[in-house]
């Protein structure tokens, strides 16, 4: 750790305190009213168009007022669709004076959408055109809905209301003295958001979050990470129904007055970075690791890899180069990421520390954090001026983190207590009691602290492989070493009892990187492919303790099923 940076551990950023999301919205409109709050596109490939923070407030007030006129006070409003400004307007309108917002995953099949609408008891559904077909299929199994509202319809029909028309109607009502929504009193301690965890609807739990949960998370996280500079532009990439994107990017940018540009899709990330002049983004490790691979592949193809390695080595030795010097040294990489990108924040899963170290050496401020939906979500995060590549950072201010049932290596289950901890699981006292005890949230994750108080995640409690002689093996650690191979695209590690020895052995299911194998090794027979992967496993095994080594493996032809945040479903 660079000693010069340690001073920042106590030197936190200062921001205003807010009581609830409505106060956050109104104070931002007052502080940054005419600043561009959002960059949106009317069509794929079109130009970014600006929307000010004042207009955002007015749109939220307009829609909220119209929803109250429809009789939705105190009711649940579900929101589903692609990442866009209208999604945020709908969500904020629901929570800032109507009732409860129920964000839904747009990737869910129709049957699961119907199940969650029924479980939540939603009275209205606001949706985008991209999911209209699925929504209509889902409605055949839903009874509770009173209103169907389209983000894209320009006129009302017999069955569907137009969101643009509702916004206009609400604005008209406000101009004629209707202040029922604008003056609505917010209770920061009751459920405002009902978020379903990933998984099938039978297993998905409804996390109940309050205004207090969200604003305390944003306020305390902002003490570590500052995106309030006038030129800051955040690119919104991750699904907006997910609490990581919702709190850490949408709400934090709103709070700090940072412009948000909406990405057109994963294949447009670097193009949109350049168009929006984006300076910051948050993403899952898979996205950054993919960028990292592409950067090195391009360098290899252009004969610049050795020069880049030398530059990275120099940058690491000098520890901190002036930003202009680093950007100049790695100008091709910066150009590839849009030319203005400065800050890359990772979360949702562990990121390869080598990726962090390389991007840092190339002049990007990259760091990771840790959290879960049940904590709205951030529990710990690296500070933007004080971080460690392999760590998920320091507990955020106001968050108490403890390790329980620790082993001889100091690894234990992470539990935390803060104002961000959820109210509980919706209509599920039994599951709530399992994770909430005396105000402490039992995360189900194993971790350890280092001498500087930085937290490291070791793996999920439910995934741990316990050998016959009592050794604990974290599949995530084994998977990390295997995934370093250029020829392994995805891997899941499990424990299996060996019939001959009776011992618990480590078993890996592997999806090879077929494209890279063909490029580097040509067309291989089945036996040659197995031999190549066996060699890669042996290389990974050499880096681990004997009891952690992979003893059996199986190859698969297709990718693993994943959640919308690109986590493999185990």
Protein backbone atom coordinates (compact mmCIF):
# COMPACT_ATOMS: atom_id res chain seq x y z
CA UNK A 1 0.00 0.00 0.00
CA UNK A 2 1.35 3.41 -0.99
CA UNK A 3 1.91 5.31 2.28
CA UNK A 4 1.08 8.62 0.59
CA UNK A 5 -2.46 7.40 0.02
CA UNK A 6 -3.18 6.25 3.58
CA UNK A 7 -4.10 9.80 4.61
CA UNK A 8 -7.30 9.43 2.55
CA UNK A 9 -8.58 6.71 4.89
CA UNK A 10 -9.60 9.47 7.30
CA UNK A 11 -10.11 12.17 4.67
CA UNK A 12 -13.68 11.52 3.52
CA UNK A 13 -15.73 13.49 0.98
CA UNK A 14 -18.46 15.71 2.42
CA UNK A 15 -21.99 15.73 1.02
CA UNK A 16 -25.40 16.93 2.18
CA UNK A 17 -27.58 14.69 4.32
CA UNK A 18 -30.98 13.76 2.90
CA UNK A 19 -33.95 12.16 4.62
CA UNK A 20 -35.56 10.39 1.67
CA UNK A 21 -35.41 9.98 -2.11
CA UNK A 22 -37.92 12.78 -2.72
CA UNK A 23 -35.79 15.24 -0.77
CA UNK A 24 -32.78 13.97 -2.74
CA UNK A 25 -34.59 14.61 -6.04
CA UNK A 26 -35.79 18.08 -5.08
CA UNK A 27 -32.46 19.19 -3.60
CA UNK A 28 -30.62 18.03 -6.73
CA UNK A 29 -33.04 19.98 -8.94
CA UNK A 30 -32.38 23.03 -6.76
CA UNK A 31 -28.57 22.62 -6.75
CA UNK A 32 -28.03 21.47 -10.34
CA UNK A 33 -31.34 22.40 -12.00
CA UNK A 34 -30.19 23.43 -15.47
CA UNK A 35 -27.31 20.98 -15.66
CA UNK A 36 -27.72 18.02 -18.03
CA UNK A 37 -28.82 15.16 -15.82
CA UNK A 38 -29.45 12.59 -18.54
CA UNK A 39 -28.29 11.84 -22.06
CA UNK A 40 -30.84 9.83 -24.01
CA UNK A 41 -31.33 8.54 -27.54
CA UNK A 42 -34.61 8.52 -29.43
CA UNK A 43 -33.34 5.74 -31.70
CA UNK A 44 -30.43 3.30 -31.93
CA UNK A 45 -27.46 5.05 -33.53
CA UNK A 46 -28.99 8.50 -33.07
CA UNK A 47 -27.38 11.39 -31.21
CA UNK A 48 -27.49 11.80 -27.43
CA UNK A 49 -30.06 14.41 -26.38
CA UNK A 50 -29.85 16.25 -23.03
CA UNK A 51 -32.46 16.33 -20.25
CA UNK A 52 -31.87 18.62 -17.27
CA UNK A 53 -32.30 17.66 -13.61
CA UNK A 54 -35.16 20.20 -13.39
CA UNK A 55 -36.98 18.50 -16.26
CA UNK A 56 -36.46 15.13 -14.56
CA UNK A 57 -38.07 16.43 -11.36
CA UNK A 58 -40.98 17.87 -13.36
CA UNK A 59 -41.48 14.59 -15.24
CA UNK A 60 -41.47 12.61 -11.98
CA UNK A 61 -43.96 15.05 -10.40
CA UNK A 62 -46.15 14.92 -13.50
CA UNK A 63 -46.32 11.13 -13.66
CA UNK A 64 -46.73 10.83 -9.89
CA UNK A 65 -49.65 13.28 -9.87
CA UNK A 66 -51.36 11.39 -12.70
CA UNK A 67 -50.88 8.05 -10.92
CA UNK A 68 -52.54 9.48 -7.81
CA UNK A 69 -55.46 10.65 -9.95
CA UNK A 70 -55.83 7.05 -11.13
CA UNK A 71 -56.30 6.00 -7.51
CA UNK A 72 -52.94 4.30 -7.01
CA UNK A 73 -52.10 5.96 -3.68
CA UNK A 74 -50.49 3.38 -1.36
CA UNK A 75 -50.42 0.70 -4.07
CA UNK A 76 -47.64 -1.17 -5.86
CA UNK A 77 -46.43 -0.10 -9.30
CA UNK A 78 -44.29 -2.61 -11.21
CA UNK A 79 -41.72 -1.32 -13.71
CA UNK A 80 -40.09 -3.41 -16.46
CA UNK A 81 -38.05 -2.48 -19.53
CA UNK A 82 -34.67 -1.68 -21.00
CA UNK A 83 -32.22 0.82 -19.48
CA UNK A 84 -33.64 4.23 -20.24
CA UNK A 85 -34.68 7.55 -18.77
CA UNK A 86 -38.40 6.66 -18.76
CA UNK A 87 -37.70 3.64 -16.53
CA UNK A 88 -36.14 5.94 -13.93
CA UNK A 89 -39.03 8.43 -14.16
CA UNK A 90 -41.52 5.60 -13.58
CA UNK A 91 -39.57 4.15 -10.65
CA UNK A 92 -39.06 7.51 -8.93
CA UNK A 93 -42.68 8.56 -9.49
CA UNK A 94 -43.84 5.38 -7.75
CA UNK A 95 -41.60 5.76 -4.67
CA UNK A 96 -41.76 9.54 -4.16
CA UNK A 97 -45.41 9.92 -3.27
CA UNK A 98 -47.50 7.10 -4.75
CA UNK A 99 -46.67 3.81 -3.03
CA UNK A 100 -44.18 1.02 -3.72
CA UNK A 101 -42.07 0.43 -6.85
CA UNK A 102 -41.61 -3.21 -7.94
CA UNK A 103 -38.71 -3.33 -10.44
CA UNK A 104 -38.80 -6.49 -12.58
CA UNK A 105 -36.08 -8.18 -14.62
CA UNK A 106 -36.78 -7.66 -18.34
CA UNK A 107 -35.04 -10.98 -19.15
CA UNK A 108 -37.61 -13.05 -17.25
CA UNK A 109 -39.93 -15.27 -19.31
CA UNK A 110 -43.63 -14.37 -19.37
CA UNK A 111 -44.58 -17.02 -16.80
CA UNK A 112 -42.13 -15.67 -14.21
CA UNK A 113 -43.20 -12.07 -14.84
CA UNK A 114 -46.78 -13.16 -14.16
CA UNK A 115 -45.72 -15.01 -11.01
CA UNK A 116 -43.93 -11.97 -9.57
CA UNK A 117 -46.79 -9.63 -10.47
CA UNK A 118 -49.14 -11.94 -8.60
CA UNK A 119 -46.81 -12.38 -5.63
CA UNK A 120 -46.27 -8.64 -5.27
CA UNK A 121 -49.93 -7.74 -5.75
CA UNK A 122 -49.00 -4.95 -8.18
CA UNK A 123 -51.90 -2.69 -9.20
CA UNK A 124 -50.17 -1.12 -12.21
CA UNK A 125 -47.45 -2.16 -14.63
CA UNK A 126 -45.32 0.35 -16.54
CA UNK A 127 -43.43 -1.29 -19.41
CA UNK A 128 -41.34 -0.49 -22.49
CA UNK A 129 -42.05 -1.57 -26.07
CA UNK A 130 -39.14 -4.03 -26.04
CA UNK A 131 -40.90 -6.27 -23.52
CA UNK A 132 -44.47 -5.68 -24.70
CA UNK A 133 -44.90 -9.15 -26.22
CA UNK A 134 -43.84 -10.90 -22.99
CA UNK A 135 -45.93 -8.55 -20.88
CA UNK A 136 -49.07 -9.35 -22.88
CA UNK A 137 -48.42 -13.08 -22.50
CA UNK A 138 -47.88 -12.64 -18.76
CA UNK A 139 -51.16 -10.74 -18.32
CA UNK A 140 -53.14 -13.87 -19.20
CA UNK A 141 -52.10 -15.23 -15.78
CA UNK A 142 -52.42 -12.01 -13.72
CA UNK A 143 -55.49 -10.83 -11.83
CA UNK A 144 -54.37 -7.92 -9.62
CA UNK A 145 -53.51 -5.33 -12.29
CA UNK A 146 -55.80 -2.33 -12.61
CA UNK A 147 -53.69 -0.34 -15.09
CA UNK A 148 -51.30 -1.13 -17.91
CA UNK A 149 -49.04 1.79 -18.87
CA UNK A 150 -46.74 1.90 -21.90
CA UNK A 151 -43.58 4.04 -21.87
CA UNK A 152 -43.76 4.26 -25.67
CA UNK A 153 -47.46 4.61 -26.57
CA UNK A 154 -48.23 8.18 -27.61
CA UNK A 155 -52.00 7.86 -27.11
CA UNK A 156 -54.24 5.93 -24.72
CA UNK A 157 -56.14 2.88 -25.95
CA UNK A 158 -58.99 0.97 -24.32
CA UNK A 159 -56.58 -1.27 -22.40
CA UNK A 160 -53.27 0.63 -22.29
CA UNK A 161 -52.48 4.10 -20.99
CA UNK A 162 -49.73 6.25 -22.50
CA UNK A 163 -46.98 7.25 -20.06
CA UNK A 164 -46.16 10.46 -22.04
CA UNK A 165 -49.86 11.37 -21.86
CA UNK A 166 -49.93 10.69 -18.11
CA UNK A 167 -46.87 12.92 -17.57
CA UNK A 168 -48.57 15.70 -19.56
CA UNK A 169 -51.84 15.18 -17.64
CA UNK A 170 -50.02 15.38 -14.30
CA UNK A 171 -48.20 18.55 -15.29
CA UNK A 172 -51.54 20.08 -16.30
CA UNK A 173 -53.06 19.16 -12.93
CA UNK A 174 -50.07 20.68 -11.07
CA UNK A 175 -50.33 23.92 -13.07
CA UNK A 176 -53.98 24.12 -11.96
CA UNK A 177 -53.16 23.77 -8.27
CA UNK A 178 -53.10 19.99 -7.67
CA UNK A 179 -50.32 19.56 -5.09
CA UNK A 180 -51.38 16.12 -3.82
CA UNK A 181 -48.21 14.48 -5.12
CA UNK A 182 -45.74 17.35 -4.75
CA UNK A 183 -46.68 17.75 -1.06
CA UNK A 184 -47.08 14.02 -0.35
CA UNK A 185 -45.42 13.13 2.97
CA UNK A 186 -42.77 10.41 2.76
CA UNK A 187 -42.22 7.97 5.63
CA UNK A 188 -38.55 7.00 5.20
CA UNK A 189 -38.90 3.88 7.35
CA UNK A 190 -41.56 1.90 5.46
CA UNK A 191 -41.24 -0.25 2.35
CA UNK A 192 -40.84 1.85 -0.81
CA UNK A 193 -39.17 -0.70 -3.11
CA UNK A 194 -39.88 -4.42 -3.45
CA UNK A 195 -36.95 -6.07 -5.22
CA UNK A 196 -36.95 -9.75 -6.10
CA UNK A 197 -33.62 -11.54 -5.86
CA UNK A 198 -32.39 -13.45 -8.92
CA UNK A 199 -33.53 -17.03 -9.33
CA UNK A 200 -36.73 -18.75 -10.35
CA UNK A 201 -39.88 -17.19 -8.95
CA UNK A 202 -40.37 -20.07 -6.56
CA UNK A 203 -36.99 -19.32 -4.99
CA UNK A 204 -36.75 -15.55 -5.54
CA UNK A 205 -37.23 -13.63 -2.31
CA UNK A 206 -38.86 -10.19 -2.21
CA UNK A 207 -36.46 -7.77 -0.51
CA UNK A 208 -38.27 -4.88 1.17
CA UNK A 209 -36.26 -1.63 1.05
CA UNK A 210 -37.14 1.77 2.49
CA UNK A 211 -36.15 5.32 1.55
CA UNK A 212 -33.85 5.28 4.58
CA UNK A 213 -32.14 2.11 3.34
CA UNK A 214 -31.34 3.66 -0.04
CA UNK A 215 -30.40 7.23 0.94
CA UNK A 216 -28.12 6.09 3.78
CA UNK A 217 -26.35 3.76 1.33
CA UNK A 218 -25.90 6.57 -1.21
CA UNK A 219 -24.82 9.10 1.43
CA UNK A 220 -22.20 6.86 3.06
CA UNK A 221 -20.87 5.44 -0.21
CA UNK A 222 -20.43 9.01 -1.50
CA UNK A 223 -17.97 9.68 1.31
CA UNK A 224 -15.65 7.18 -0.40
CA UNK A 225 -16.41 7.77 -4.09
CA UNK A 226 -16.84 11.22 -5.65
CA UNK A 227 -18.41 11.68 -9.10
CA UNK A 228 -19.55 15.27 -8.60
CA UNK A 229 -17.04 17.06 -10.87
CA UNK A 230 -18.82 19.21 -13.51
CA UNK A 231 -17.55 17.06 -16.41
CA UNK A 232 -18.44 13.68 -14.90
CA UNK A 233 -20.64 11.50 -17.13
CA UNK A 234 -21.62 7.99 -16.04
CA UNK A 235 -22.50 5.35 -18.62
CA UNK A 236 -25.44 3.20 -17.50
CA UNK A 237 -24.75 -0.39 -18.58
CA UNK A 238 -26.21 -2.83 -16.03
CA UNK A 239 -29.92 -3.76 -15.75
CA UNK A 240 -31.79 -1.00 -13.91
CA UNK A 241 -33.96 -3.41 -11.94
CA UNK A 242 -30.84 -4.55 -10.11
CA UNK A 243 -30.01 -2.75 -6.86
CA UNK A 244 -26.32 -2.42 -7.81
CA UNK A 245 -27.13 -0.27 -10.86
CA UNK A 246 -30.10 1.38 -9.20
CA UNK A 247 -28.36 2.60 -6.03
CA UNK A 248 -24.73 2.88 -7.06
CA UNK A 249 -25.20 4.57 -10.41
CA UNK A 250 -28.74 5.96 -10.85
CA UNK A 251 -29.31 7.22 -7.29
CA UNK A 252 -25.70 8.19 -6.54
CA UNK A 253 -25.43 10.19 -9.77
CA UNK A 254 -28.75 11.90 -9.03
CA UNK A 255 -27.52 12.74 -5.52
CA UNK A 256 -24.11 14.06 -6.59
CA UNK A 257 -25.32 15.81 -9.75
CA UNK A 258 -23.49 13.53 -12.19
CA UNK A 259 -24.83 13.19 -15.75
CA UNK A 260 -26.07 9.70 -16.73
CA UNK A 261 -25.89 8.48 -20.34
CA UNK A 262 -27.87 5.37 -21.22
CA UNK A 263 -25.97 2.65 -23.09
CA UNK A 264 -27.73 1.16 -26.12
CA UNK A 265 -26.58 -2.37 -25.26
CA UNK A 266 -23.44 -4.33 -24.37
CA UNK A 267 -22.12 -4.34 -27.95
CA UNK A 268 -22.31 -0.53 -28.01
CA UNK A 269 -20.41 0.11 -24.75
CA UNK A 270 -17.17 1.53 -26.17
CA UNK A 271 -19.03 3.41 -28.93
CA UNK A 272 -21.36 5.01 -26.37
CA UNK A 273 -18.41 5.82 -24.06
CA UNK A 274 -16.96 7.96 -26.84
CA UNK A 275 -20.27 9.55 -27.89
CA UNK A 276 -21.25 10.52 -24.35
CA UNK A 277 -17.70 11.47 -23.31
CA UNK A 278 -18.23 9.11 -20.37
CA UNK A 279 -15.80 9.36 -17.46
CA UNK A 280 -17.16 6.67 -15.13
CA UNK A 281 -19.09 3.42 -15.28
CA UNK A 282 -20.00 0.52 -13.03
CA UNK A 283 -20.08 -3.02 -14.35
CA UNK A 284 -19.64 -6.66 -13.45
CA UNK A 285 -16.09 -8.12 -13.67
CA UNK A 286 -16.96 -10.08 -16.81
CA UNK A 287 -17.25 -6.82 -18.77
CA UNK A 288 -13.91 -5.43 -17.56
CA UNK A 289 -12.15 -8.77 -18.03
CA UNK A 290 -13.50 -8.93 -21.59
CA UNK A 291 -12.20 -5.37 -22.23
CA UNK A 292 -8.84 -6.38 -20.75
CA UNK A 293 -8.56 -9.40 -23.06
CA UNK A 294 -9.46 -7.29 -26.12
CA UNK A 295 -6.86 -4.65 -25.19
CA UNK A 296 -4.11 -7.28 -24.97
CA UNK A 297 -5.27 -9.09 -28.10
CA UNK A 298 -5.18 -5.85 -30.10
CA UNK A 299 -1.70 -5.08 -28.70
CA UNK A 300 -0.46 -8.56 -29.69
CA UNK A 301 -1.89 -8.25 -33.20
CA UNK A 302 -0.39 -4.79 -33.64
CA UNK A 303 3.04 -5.86 -32.38
CA UNK A 304 2.77 -3.48 -29.40
CA UNK A 305 2.41 -6.02 -26.58
CA UNK A 306 6.05 -5.89 -25.46
CA UNK A 307 6.00 -2.11 -25.42
CA UNK A 308 2.78 -2.20 -23.38
CA UNK A 309 4.26 -4.68 -20.87
CA UNK A 310 7.27 -2.42 -20.47
CA UNK A 311 5.05 0.62 -19.98
CA UNK A 312 2.94 -1.17 -17.36
CA UNK A 313 6.08 -2.28 -15.53
CA UNK A 314 7.41 1.29 -15.44
CA UNK A 315 4.05 2.65 -14.31
CA UNK A 316 3.83 0.10 -11.47
CA UNK A 317 7.36 0.84 -10.29
CA UNK A 318 6.78 4.58 -10.24
CA UNK A 319 3.50 3.83 -8.40
CA UNK A 320 1.78 7.09 -9.29
CA UNK A 321 2.40 8.79 -12.62
CA UNK A 322 0.71 12.12 -13.45
CA UNK A 323 -2.62 11.35 -15.22
CA UNK A 324 -1.55 13.15 -18.41
CA UNK A 325 1.70 11.15 -18.60
CA UNK A 326 -0.09 7.82 -18.11
CA UNK A 327 -2.79 8.68 -20.62
CA UNK A 328 -0.15 9.64 -23.15
CA UNK A 329 1.83 6.43 -22.53
CA UNK A 330 -1.29 4.29 -23.10
CA UNK A 331 -3.15 6.55 -25.52
CA UNK A 332 -4.35 3.64 -27.70
CA UNK A 333 -6.02 1.94 -24.72
CA UNK A 334 -7.66 5.19 -23.58
CA UNK A 335 -8.89 5.81 -27.13
CA UNK A 336 -10.36 2.28 -27.21
CA UNK A 337 -12.38 3.11 -24.06
CA UNK A 338 -13.80 6.32 -25.47
CA UNK A 339 -10.95 8.74 -24.74
CA UNK A 340 -12.40 10.30 -21.57
CA UNK A 341 -12.96 7.29 -19.27
CA UNK A 342 -11.31 7.70 -15.84
CA UNK A 343 -13.11 5.53 -13.29
CA UNK A 344 -14.14 1.87 -13.59
CA UNK A 345 -16.06 0.40 -10.63
CA UNK A 346 -16.57 -3.36 -10.37
CA UNK A 347 -19.09 -5.30 -8.31
CA UNK A 348 -21.44 -8.26 -8.35
CA UNK A 349 -18.61 -10.82 -8.27
CA UNK A 350 -14.87 -11.01 -7.62
CA UNK A 351 -12.64 -9.42 -10.26
CA UNK A 352 -9.20 -10.72 -11.25
CA UNK A 353 -6.69 -8.49 -9.37
CA UNK A 354 -4.37 -8.63 -12.40
CA UNK A 355 -7.03 -6.87 -14.47
CA UNK A 356 -7.29 -4.17 -11.80
CA UNK A 357 -3.51 -3.77 -11.60
CA UNK A 358 -3.11 -3.53 -15.39
CA UNK A 359 -5.88 -0.96 -15.84
CA UNK A 360 -4.54 1.06 -12.88
CA UNK A 361 -1.06 1.06 -14.41
CA UNK A 362 -2.61 2.26 -17.68
CA UNK A 363 -4.14 5.28 -15.97
CA UNK A 364 -7.66 4.14 -15.06
CA UNK A 365 -8.92 4.40 -11.51
CA UNK A 366 -10.42 0.93 -11.14
CA UNK A 367 -11.60 -0.63 -7.88
CA UNK A 368 -14.27 -2.95 -6.54
CA UNK A 369 -16.91 -3.09 -3.86
CA UNK A 370 -19.13 -5.65 -2.17
CA UNK A 371 -22.77 -5.79 -1.25
CA UNK A 372 -26.06 -7.57 -1.60
CA UNK A 373 -29.64 -6.59 -2.38
CA UNK A 374 -30.52 -7.10 1.29
CA UNK A 375 -28.20 -4.19 2.17
CA UNK A 376 -29.40 -1.81 -0.55
CA UNK A 377 -26.66 -2.98 -1.64
CA UNK A 378 -23.21 -1.66 -0.59
CA UNK A 379 -21.52 -3.10 2.52
CA UNK A 380 -17.93 -2.21 1.65
CA UNK A 381 -16.14 -0.46 -1.19
CA UNK A 382 -12.66 0.75 -1.98
CA UNK A 383 -12.17 4.49 -1.71
CA UNK A 384 -11.41 6.20 -5.01
CA UNK A 385 -8.17 7.52 -3.49
CA UNK A 386 -7.26 4.55 -1.26
CA UNK A 387 -7.75 1.02 -2.59
CA UNK A 388 -6.31 -2.48 -2.92
CA UNK A 389 -6.76 -4.52 -6.13
CA UNK A 390 -7.80 -7.86 -4.56
CA UNK A 391 -9.95 -6.35 -1.81
CA UNK A 392 -13.58 -5.24 -1.84
CA UNK A 393 -12.53 -2.25 0.26
CA UNK A 394 -13.42 -0.88 3.67
CA UNK A 395 -16.85 -1.07 5.32
CA UNK A 396 -18.72 2.10 4.41
CA UNK A 397 -19.16 4.74 7.16
CA UNK A 398 -22.05 3.79 9.40
CA UNK A 399 -21.73 0.09 8.54
CA UNK A 400 -20.51 -2.35 11.18
CA UNK A 401 -19.01 -5.52 9.76
CA UNK A 402 -17.99 -8.58 11.81
CA UNK A 403 -16.76 -12.08 11.00
CA UNK A 404 -18.28 -14.97 12.93
CA UNK A 405 -17.32 -18.66 13.23
CA UNK A 406 -13.80 -17.88 12.06
CA UNK A 407 -11.34 -20.63 11.16
CA UNK A 408 -7.60 -20.73 11.89
CA UNK A 409 -6.92 -18.48 8.86
CA UNK A 410 -9.23 -15.72 10.10
CA UNK A 411 -11.93 -16.55 7.55
CA UNK A 412 -15.50 -16.32 8.82
CA UNK A 413 -19.04 -15.50 7.77
CA UNK A 414 -19.61 -11.79 7.11
CA UNK A 415 -22.40 -10.17 9.09
CA UNK A 416 -23.25 -6.47 9.04
CA UNK A 417 -25.47 -3.88 10.66
CA UNK A 418 -26.40 -0.48 9.22
CA UNK A 419 -29.29 1.79 8.22
CA UNK A 420 -29.12 0.13 4.80
CA UNK A 421 -30.10 -3.34 6.01
CA UNK A 422 -33.47 -4.35 4.55
CA UNK A 423 -36.76 -4.39 6.43
CA UNK A 424 -37.07 -8.11 5.68
CA UNK A 425 -38.35 -10.49 3.01
CA UNK A 426 -41.85 -9.78 1.74
CA UNK A 427 -44.45 -12.05 3.33
CA UNK A 428 -41.72 -14.48 4.42
CA UNK A 429 -40.99 -14.28 8.14
CA UNK A 430 -39.25 -17.66 8.18
CA UNK A 431 -36.58 -16.66 5.63
CA UNK A 432 -36.24 -13.22 7.25
CA UNK A 433 -35.49 -14.82 10.63
CA UNK A 434 -32.71 -16.90 9.05
CA UNK A 435 -30.72 -13.87 7.89
CA UNK A 436 -31.76 -11.04 10.25
CA UNK A 437 -30.78 -11.66 13.87
CA UNK A 438 -30.67 -8.85 16.43
CA UNK A 439 -30.39 -6.33 13.60
CA UNK A 440 -27.40 -8.11 12.05
CA UNK A 441 -27.63 -9.24 8.43
CA UNK A 442 -26.02 -12.67 7.98
CA UNK A 443 -24.74 -12.48 4.41
CA UNK A 444 -23.89 -16.13 3.78
CA UNK A 445 -20.53 -14.96 2.39
CA UNK A 446 -17.16 -15.90 3.87
CA UNK A 447 -14.46 -13.25 4.14
CA UNK A 448 -11.37 -12.04 5.96
CA UNK A 449 -9.83 -8.71 6.96
CA UNK A 450 -6.20 -7.67 6.42
CA UNK A 451 -4.06 -5.60 8.77
CA UNK A 452 -5.36 -2.34 7.25
CA UNK A 453 -9.02 -3.25 7.74
CA UNK A 454 -9.65 -4.11 4.08
CA UNK A 455 -12.20 -6.87 3.44
CA UNK A 456 -11.60 -9.84 1.12
CA UNK A 457 -14.34 -12.19 -0.06
CA UNK A 458 -13.51 -15.90 0.01
CA UNK A 459 -16.76 -17.47 -1.23
CA UNK A 460 -20.38 -18.31 -0.57
CA UNK A 461 -21.22 -20.32 2.55
CA UNK A 462 -23.61 -22.57 0.63
CA UNK A 463 -20.97 -23.34 -2.02
CA UNK A 464 -18.18 -24.40 0.36
CA UNK A 465 -16.80 -27.90 -0.20
CA UNK A 466 -15.95 -29.64 3.09
CA UNK A 467 -13.50 -32.55 2.79
CA UNK A 468 -13.66 -35.68 4.96
CA UNK A 469 -10.77 -34.38 7.11
CA UNK A 470 -12.54 -31.08 7.74
CA UNK A 471 -10.79 -28.84 5.20
CA UNK A 472 -12.87 -26.03 3.65
CA UNK A 473 -12.48 -25.41 -0.07
CA UNK A 474 -14.00 -22.31 -1.68
CA UNK A 475 -15.02 -23.19 -5.26
CA UNK A 476 -14.62 -19.53 -6.23
CA UNK A 477 -10.88 -19.68 -5.48
CA UNK A 478 -10.36 -22.82 -7.58
CA UNK A 479 -12.46 -21.31 -10.39
CA UNK A 480 -10.30 -18.18 -10.29
CA UNK A 481 -7.12 -20.15 -11.01
CA UNK A 482 -8.76 -22.23 -13.74
CA UNK A 483 -10.27 -19.16 -15.43
CA UNK A 484 -6.80 -17.63 -15.83
CA UNK A 485 -6.31 -20.06 -18.73
CA UNK A 486 -6.75 -18.60 -22.21
CA UNK A 487 -8.52 -21.81 -23.18
CA UNK A 488 -11.17 -21.91 -20.44
CA UNK A 489 -14.12 -19.55 -20.95
CA UNK A 490 -16.29 -20.59 -17.98
CA UNK A 491 -16.02 -23.04 -15.12
CA UNK A 492 -18.06 -24.27 -12.15
CA UNK A 493 -16.37 -26.26 -9.38
CA UNK A 494 -18.17 -28.66 -7.04
CA UNK A 495 -17.34 -31.29 -4.46
CA UNK A 496 -18.11 -34.95 -5.16
CA UNK A 497 -17.60 -38.10 -3.12
CA UNK A 498 -15.18 -40.47 -4.84
CA UNK A 499 -16.63 -43.99 -4.96
CA UNK A 500 -13.24 -45.72 -4.66
CA UNK A 501 -11.57 -43.71 -1.88
CA UNK A 502 -14.66 -42.34 -0.15
CA UNK A 503 -12.94 -38.95 -0.09
CA UNK A 504 -14.56 -35.69 -1.18
CA UNK A 505 -12.80 -34.60 -4.36
CA UNK A 506 -12.87 -31.37 -6.37
CA UNK A 507 -14.70 -31.71 -9.66
CA UNK A 508 -14.85 -29.09 -12.43
CA UNK A 509 -17.32 -28.57 -15.25
CA UNK A 510 -15.68 -26.52 -17.99
CA UNK A 511 -16.88 -24.61 -21.04
CA UNK A 512 -13.75 -24.23 -23.23
CA UNK A 513 -12.98 -21.02 -25.12
CA UNK A 514 -13.52 -22.71 -28.49
CA UNK A 515 -12.81 -19.58 -30.56
CA UNK A 516 -9.45 -18.96 -28.91
CA UNK A 517 -8.52 -22.65 -29.06
CA UNK A 518 -9.21 -22.75 -32.80
CA UNK A 519 -7.25 -19.53 -33.35
CA UNK A 520 -4.20 -20.72 -31.42
CA UNK A 521 -4.31 -24.52 -31.80
CA UNK A 522 -6.39 -25.14 -34.92
CA UNK A 523 -9.08 -27.82 -35.14
CA UNK A 524 -8.63 -30.37 -32.36
CA UNK A 525 -10.06 -33.84 -31.97
CA UNK A 526 -12.09 -34.59 -28.84
CA UNK A 527 -9.10 -36.33 -27.26
CA UNK A 528 -6.74 -33.45 -28.13
CA UNK A 529 -9.19 -30.97 -26.60
CA UNK A 530 -9.39 -33.02 -23.39
CA UNK A 531 -5.60 -33.23 -23.27
CA UNK A 532 -5.25 -29.45 -23.70
CA UNK A 533 -7.76 -28.71 -20.92
CA UNK A 534 -6.09 -31.34 -18.68
CA UNK A 535 -2.80 -29.49 -19.13
CA UNK A 536 -4.46 -26.18 -18.18
CA UNK A 537 -5.98 -27.81 -15.08
CA UNK A 538 -2.57 -29.18 -14.08
CA UNK A 539 -1.10 -25.67 -14.42
CA UNK A 540 -3.83 -24.27 -12.17
CA UNK A 541 -3.41 -27.14 -9.68
CA UNK A 542 0.27 -26.30 -9.28
CA UNK A 543 -0.75 -22.92 -7.82
CA UNK A 544 -3.00 -24.43 -5.11
CA UNK A 545 -2.68 -26.55 -1.98
CA UNK A 546 -2.93 -30.30 -2.60
CA UNK A 547 -6.40 -30.69 -1.08
CA UNK A 548 -7.83 -27.94 -3.35
CA UNK A 549 -6.65 -29.50 -6.60
CA UNK A 550 -9.10 -30.54 -9.31
CA UNK A 551 -9.18 -34.35 -9.61
CA UNK A 552 -11.97 -34.81 -12.18
CA UNK A 553 -13.40 -32.66 -14.94
CA UNK A 554 -16.10 -32.64 -17.57
CA UNK A 555 -16.36 -30.52 -20.73
CA UNK A 556 -19.55 -28.90 -21.98
CA UNK A 557 -20.51 -27.55 -25.41
CA UNK A 558 -22.61 -24.59 -24.28
CA UNK A 559 -22.22 -21.66 -21.91
CA UNK A 560 -23.65 -21.89 -18.40
CA UNK A 561 -27.01 -20.24 -17.72
CA UNK A 562 -26.49 -16.80 -16.18
CA UNK A 563 -28.41 -14.13 -14.32
CA UNK A 564 -28.85 -10.71 -15.96
CA UNK A 565 -25.80 -9.49 -14.02
CA UNK A 566 -23.78 -12.24 -15.74
CA UNK A 567 -23.40 -14.50 -12.71
CA UNK A 568 -23.40 -18.20 -13.49
CA UNK A 569 -26.42 -19.95 -12.04
CA UNK A 570 -25.06 -22.81 -9.98
